Amino acid sequence: MLCFLRTLLLSGVLLATTTAQALPDSLRAGLWTRIASGNIAGAIQFYTAQTGKDAPDWLLNFQRAFDAGNRVAGPCFKVADSVSKGFRELGKKPDILILRPADGSNLIGIEKAPGVASSTIQASLNGQHAVVFLEGRIYDAFTGPMGQSVAEYTQRIFTGTGAPIAGLP
């Protein structure tokens, strides 16, 4: 299998994803089934049971991307890179989107608990928030591994000025 390197330059942060080897179709399908249902721990167990090896770094980094510690302003580009790389390892074709307030302001907030306005926290330090878009769903540390539809996500992300969010599909 050919090795490819995809490099993205996003807001001055270099993000790189590399696929060194293809996973067997049955392994990839089993991992995707578990990940798509939000069961990353189950995907890791499945991987180790099927291969007899420890989970690869890309899968562990994918899991860590959704850790509660990443649900703050700042790590969104690293999270998006880890999530995108994980999806690519599974043969998917995600896009990294950079969300911004349409009026150029710097404040983006997100409800940690969907529909609970009092749970809103600052999600960006610089007016940009990186997310992964795949198959009609948005993924970031706030959505968890199941992601959210664009409609669901837009109900919980806000700008400080009330301006719309630019960059959504």
Foldseek 3Di string as FASTA:
>chain_A
DDKDKDWDQDPNDIFIAIAPDADPLVLLVVLCVCLLVQNLVVNQVSVCVVPVDHDDPLSVLLQVQLDPVVQAADCQVVSQSSVQNNCVNSVFHKDKWKKFFPVRDAWKWFQLDQPDVVRIHTHYPGRIGIWIDGPQFTDGNSQHSNGHGLVSRQSTMAGPVRGGMPGGD
